[in-house]
C-alpha atoms as a PDB file:
ATOM      1  CA  MET A   1     -16.685 -13.848  13.772  1.00  0.00           C
ATOM      2  CA  LYS A   2     -13.057 -13.610  14.878  1.00  0.00           C
ATOM      3  CA  ILE A   3     -10.269 -12.489  12.582  1.00  0.00           C
ATOM      4  CA  THR A   4      -8.616 -15.515  11.664  1.00  0.00           C
ATOM      5  CA  GLN A   5      -6.253 -17.483   8.817  1.00  0.00           C
ATOM      6  CA  ASP A   6      -8.453 -17.348   5.897  1.00  0.00           C
ATOM      7  CA  SER A   7     -10.557 -14.442   7.291  1.00  0.00           C
ATOM      8  CA  ALA A   8     -12.142 -11.870   4.680  1.00  0.00           C
ATOM      9  CA  VAL A   9     -12.120  -8.917   6.520  1.00  0.00           C
ATOM     10  CA  THR A  10     -13.285  -5.287   6.211  1.00  0.00           C
ATOM     11  CA  LEU A  11     -12.287  -2.441   7.960  1.00  0.00           C
ATOM     12  CA  ARG A  12     -12.005   1.533   7.726  1.00  0.00           C
ATOM     13  CA  MET A  13      -8.237   2.441   8.066  1.00  0.00           C
ATOM     14  CA  LYS A  14      -7.271   6.177   8.743  1.00  0.00           C
ATOM     15  CA  VAL A  15      -3.792   6.914   7.369  1.00  0.00           C
ATOM     16  CA  THR A  16      -1.548   9.791   8.755  1.00  0.00           C
ATOM     17  CA  ASP A  17       1.985  11.020   9.623  1.00  0.00           C
ATOM     18  CA  ARG A  18       3.223  12.043  13.132  1.00  0.00           C
ATOM     19  CA  GLN A  19       2.605  15.436  12.184  1.00  0.00           C
ATOM     20  CA  GLY A  20      -1.139  14.636  11.179  1.00  0.00           C
ATOM     21  CA  GLN A  21      -0.464  14.899   7.402  1.00  0.00           C
ATOM     22  CA  VAL A  22      -3.497  13.008   6.173  1.00  0.00           C
ATOM     23  CA  TYR A  23      -2.663  10.508   3.670  1.00  0.00           C
ATOM     24  CA  ASP A  24      -5.486   8.289   3.655  1.00  0.00           C
ATOM     25  CA  ASP A  25      -9.124   9.703   5.135  1.00  0.00           C
ATOM     26  CA  GLY A  26     -10.670   6.213   5.844  1.00  0.00           C
ATOM     27  CA  LYS A  27     -13.742   7.193   4.474  1.00  0.00           C
ATOM     28  CA  HIS A  28     -13.557   4.222   2.143  1.00  0.00           C
ATOM     29  CA  PRO A  29     -13.835   0.614   3.500  1.00  0.00           C
ATOM     30  CA  VAL A  30     -11.136  -2.102   2.298  1.00  0.00           C
ATOM     31  CA  SER A  31     -11.439  -6.048   2.535  1.00  0.00           C
ATOM     32  CA  TYR A  32      -8.468  -7.855   2.705  1.00  0.00           C
ATOM     33  CA  LEU A  33      -7.563 -11.756   2.920  1.00  0.00           C
ATOM     34  CA  HIS A  34      -6.403 -12.477   6.931  1.00  0.00           C
ATOM     35  CA  GLY A  35      -3.584 -14.811   7.137  1.00  0.00           C
ATOM     36  CA  ASP A  36      -0.052 -13.949   5.502  1.00  0.00           C
ATOM     37  CA  TYR A  37      -1.309 -13.258   2.197  1.00  0.00           C
ATOM     38  CA  ASP A  38       0.783  -9.928   1.867  1.00  0.00           C
ATOM     39  CA  ASN A  39      -2.628  -7.825   1.966  1.00  0.00           C
ATOM     40  CA  LEU A  40      -1.715  -6.132   4.931  1.00  0.00           C
ATOM     41  CA  PHE A  41       1.456  -4.765   6.796  1.00  0.00           C
ATOM     42  CA  ALA A  42       2.590  -7.527   9.511  1.00  0.00           C
ATOM     43  CA  LYS A  43       2.357  -5.545  12.035  1.00  0.00           C
ATOM     44  CA  LEU A  44      -1.224  -4.259  11.379  1.00  0.00           C
ATOM     45  CA  GLU A  45      -2.591  -7.784  10.617  1.00  0.00           C
ATOM     46  CA  ALA A  46      -0.787  -9.139  13.714  1.00  0.00           C
ATOM     47  CA  ALA A  47      -3.028  -6.428  16.057  1.00  0.00           C
ATOM     48  CA  LEU A  48      -6.243  -7.556  14.059  1.00  0.00           C
ATOM     49  CA  GLU A  49      -5.672 -11.337  14.500  1.00  0.00           C
ATOM     50  CA  GLY A  50      -8.672 -12.457  17.154  1.00  0.00           C
ATOM     51  CA  GLN A  51     -10.647  -9.364  17.194  1.00  0.00           C
ATOM     52  CA  GLU A  52     -14.127  -8.922  16.038  1.00  0.00           C
ATOM     53  CA  ALA A  53     -16.337  -6.387  14.141  1.00  0.00           C
ATOM     54  CA  GLY A  54     -16.768  -3.149  15.867  1.00  0.00           C
ATOM     55  CA  PHE A  55     -12.762  -3.423  17.084  1.00  0.00           C
ATOM     56  CA  GLN A  56     -10.934  -0.297  17.087  1.00  0.00           C
ATOM     57  CA  THR A  57      -7.061   0.333  17.432  1.00  0.00           C
ATOM     58  CA  THR A  58      -4.515   2.847  16.273  1.00  0.00           C
ATOM     59  CA  LEU A  59      -1.113   1.463  15.448  1.00  0.00           C
ATOM     60  CA  GLU A  60       1.784   3.456  14.837  1.00  0.00           C
ATOM     61  CA  LEU A  61       4.673   1.824  12.591  1.00  0.00           C
ATOM     62  CA  ALA A  62       7.949   2.889  12.032  1.00  0.00           C
ATOM     63  CA  SER A  63       9.202   3.106   8.051  1.00  0.00           C
ATOM     64  CA  GLU A  64      10.727  -0.474   7.874  1.00  0.00           C
ATOM     65  CA  ASP A  65       7.273  -2.206   8.997  1.00  0.00           C
ATOM     66  CA  CYS A  66       5.140  -0.628   6.259  1.00  0.00           C
ATOM     67  CA  PHE A  67       6.697   1.057   3.200  1.00  0.00           C
ATOM     68  CA  GLY A  68      10.320   0.903   4.322  1.00  0.00           C
ATOM     69  CA  GLU A  69      13.561   3.040   4.236  1.00  0.00           C
ATOM     70  CA  ARG A  70      14.400   5.253   1.110  1.00  0.00           C
ATOM     71  CA  ASP A  71      16.806   3.779  -1.761  1.00  0.00           C
ATOM     72  CA  GLU A  72      18.609   6.487  -3.255  1.00  0.00           C
ATOM     73  CA  ALA A  73      19.820   3.528  -5.815  1.00  0.00           C
ATOM     74  CA  LEU A  74      15.900   3.914  -7.151  1.00  0.00           C
ATOM     75  CA  VAL A  75      16.019   7.806  -8.095  1.00  0.00           C
ATOM     76  CA  THR A  76      17.659   7.901 -11.526  1.00  0.00           C
ATOM     77  CA  THR A  77      17.267  10.274 -14.691  1.00  0.00           C
ATOM     78  CA  MET A  78      16.674   9.843 -18.315  1.00  0.00           C
ATOM     79  CA  PRO A  79      16.844  11.854 -21.261  1.00  0.00           C
ATOM     80  CA  LYS A  80      13.699  13.847 -22.237  1.00  0.00           C
ATOM     81  CA  ALA A  81      14.198  12.792 -25.667  1.00  0.00           C
ATOM     82  CA  GLU A  82      13.489   9.043 -24.581  1.00  0.00           C
ATOM     83  CA  PHE A  83      10.595  10.263 -22.454  1.00  0.00           C
ATOM     84  CA  PRO A  84       6.861   8.715 -23.514  1.00  0.00           C
ATOM     85  CA  PRO A  85       4.927  11.782 -24.611  1.00  0.00           C
ATOM     86  CA  GLY A  86       1.999  12.557 -22.023  1.00  0.00           C
ATOM     87  CA  ILE A  87       3.045  11.709 -19.154  1.00  0.00           C
ATOM     88  CA  LYS A  88       3.324  14.560 -16.767  1.00  0.00           C
ATOM     89  CA  VAL A  89       5.186  15.444 -13.246  1.00  0.00           C
ATOM     90  CA  GLY A  90       3.487  12.372 -10.835  1.00  0.00           C
ATOM     91  CA  GLY A  91       2.956  10.394 -13.289  1.00  0.00           C
ATOM     92  CA  GLN A  92       4.620   6.527 -13.473  1.00  0.00           C
ATOM     93  CA  ILE A  93       6.585   4.912 -15.685  1.00  0.00           C
ATOM     94  CA  GLN A  94       7.863   0.941 -15.932  1.00  0.00           C
ATOM     95  CA  ARG A  95      11.335   0.713 -16.720  1.00  0.00           C
ATOM     96  CA  LEU A  96      14.207  -1.857 -14.953  1.00  0.00           C
ATOM     97  CA  GLY A  97      15.521  -1.375 -11.846  1.00  0.00           C
ATOM     98  CA  PRO A  98      19.067  -1.534 -10.665  1.00  0.00           C
ATOM     99  CA  ASP A  99      18.607  -5.586 -10.036  1.00  0.00           C
ATOM    100  CA  GLY A 100      17.017  -5.431 -13.921  1.00  0.00           C
ATOM    101  CA  GLN A 101      13.263  -6.265 -12.763  1.00  0.00           C
ATOM    102  CA  PRO A 102      10.535  -4.404 -13.951  1.00  0.00           C
ATOM    103  CA  ARG A 103       9.461  -1.429 -11.640  1.00  0.00           C
ATOM    104  CA  TYR A 104       7.437   1.622 -11.379  1.00  0.00           C
ATOM    105  CA  TYR A 105       9.025   4.850 -11.063  1.00  0.00           C
ATOM    106  CA  PHE A 106       7.326   8.184 -10.174  1.00  0.00           C
ATOM    107  CA  VAL A 107       8.250  11.432 -12.486  1.00  0.00           C
ATOM    108  CA  THR A 108       9.585  13.894  -9.935  1.00  0.00           C
ATOM    109  CA  LYS A 109      10.878  16.986 -12.208  1.00  0.00           C
ATOM    110  CA  ILE A 110      11.321  17.750 -15.712  1.00  0.00           C
ATOM    111  CA  LYS A 111      14.538  19.683 -15.983  1.00  0.00           C
ATOM    112  CA  GLY A 112      15.097  21.097 -19.199  1.00  0.00           C
ATOM    113  CA  PRO A 113      16.764  18.048 -21.471  1.00  0.00           C
ATOM    114  CA  THR A 114      16.295  15.637 -18.362  1.00  0.00           C
ATOM    115  CA  VAL A 115      13.792  13.670 -16.398  1.00  0.00           C
ATOM    116  CA  LEU A 116      14.089  12.721 -12.858  1.00  0.00           C
ATOM    117  CA  LEU A 117      12.546   9.688 -11.522  1.00  0.00           C
ATOM    118  CA  ASP A 118      11.846   7.808  -7.932  1.00  0.00           C
ATOM    119  CA  GLY A 119      11.644   4.369  -7.556  1.00  0.00           C
ATOM    120  CA  ASN A 120      10.576   4.514  -4.000  1.00  0.00           C
ATOM    121  CA  HIS A 121       6.976   4.500  -2.673  1.00  0.00           C
ATOM    122  CA  PRO A 122       5.696   7.967  -1.991  1.00  0.00           C
ATOM    123  CA  LEU A 123       5.737   7.117   2.072  1.00  0.00           C
ATOM    124  CA  CYS A 124       8.850   4.940   1.973  1.00  0.00           C
ATOM    125  CA  GLY A 125      10.640   7.043   5.006  1.00  0.00           C
ATOM    126  CA  LYS A 126       7.712   7.928   6.932  1.00  0.00           C
ATOM    127  CA  THR A 127       6.529   6.309  10.361  1.00  0.00           C
ATOM    128  CA  LEU A 128       2.698   6.054   9.645  1.00  0.00           C
ATOM    129  CA  ARG A 129      -0.215   6.023  12.273  1.00  0.00           C
ATOM    130  CA  PHE A 130      -3.311   3.648  11.403  1.00  0.00           C
ATOM    131  CA  ALA A 131      -6.325   4.223  12.970  1.00  0.00           C
ATOM    132  CA  ILE A 132      -8.654   0.860  12.268  1.00  0.00           C
ATOM    133  CA  THR A 133     -12.305   0.002  12.663  1.00  0.00           C
ATOM    134  CA  VAL A 134     -13.001  -3.568  11.877  1.00  0.00           C
ATOM    135  CA  LEU A 135     -16.302  -2.976   9.937  1.00  0.00           C
ATOM    136  CA  ASN A 136     -17.113  -6.653   9.036  1.00  0.00           C
ATOM    137  CA  VAL A 137     -15.183 -10.173   9.284  1.00  0.00           C
ATOM    138  CA  ARG A 138     -16.514 -13.456   7.580  1.00  0.00           C
ATOM    139  CA  ALA A 139     -15.157 -16.457   6.575  1.00  0.00           C
ATOM    140  CA  ALA A 140     -13.237 -16.119   2.703  1.00  0.00           C
ATOM    141  CA  THR A 141     -14.489 -18.246  -0.155  1.00  0.00           C
ATOM    142  CA  ALA A 142     -12.485 -21.066  -1.855  1.00  0.00           C
ATOM    143  CA  GLU A 143     -11.877 -18.693  -4.829  1.00  0.00           C
ATOM    144  CA  GLU A 144     -10.751 -16.230  -2.436  1.00  0.00           C
ATOM    145  CA  ILE A 145      -8.412 -18.120  -0.815  1.00  0.00           C
ATOM    146  CA  ALA A 146      -7.150 -19.742  -3.843  1.00  0.00           C
ATOM    147  CA  HIS A 147      -6.782 -16.263  -5.567  1.00  0.00           C
ATOM    148  CA  GLN A 148      -5.340 -14.843  -1.803  1.00  0.00           C
ATOM    149  CA  HIS A 149      -7.518 -11.640  -1.926  1.00  0.00           C
ATOM    150  CA  VAL A 150     -11.023 -10.917  -1.245  1.00  0.00           C
ATOM    151  CA  HIS A 151     -13.505 -10.452  -4.282  1.00  0.00           C
ATOM    152  CA  GLY A 152     -16.763  -8.221  -4.349  1.00  0.00           C
ATOM    153  CA  GLU A 153     -17.432  -5.326  -2.684  1.00  0.00           C
ATOM    154  CA  HIS A 154     -14.370  -3.356  -1.334  1.00  0.00           C
ATOM    155  CA  GLY A 155     -12.261  -6.137  -2.559  1.00  0.00           C
ATOM    156  CA  HIS A 156     -10.495  -7.121  -5.945  1.00  0.00           C
ATOM    157  CA  GLN A 157     -12.608  -6.965  -8.701  1.00  0.00           C
ATOM    158  CA  HIS A 158     -11.906  -9.680 -11.427  1.00  0.00           C
END
């Protein structure tokens, strides 16, 4: 079966940067619903359109085509006295972003009475390489289409 609108696609995807730093080794298959459901970066989805199980490709995406550019407005601080207990460097907290909407921030440093937070995705600003192997393609169920994601093994669990 070819990958088309409303196909449930299972693939392996190794993700590295230009220097070879591995961010995902691709050992664990992932599934997504094909067809502009924002489950996969648009350029990756376009490259997979019309392909079948067994297809392999490597694509390099500029930061604006995957996690975006860094936004320094998302780097902020908060007083340690207001910081929730138990969260350490590398953890996340949710708070309002500059646009007034809830957003997750990574704790990047705790320095004296101040906690440094970064609302950028850790991979934003990076050009990434995606080595993809399509493992399986099938028609999505009506429920998967309604929920806009794949269910079951390698997909979303309810």
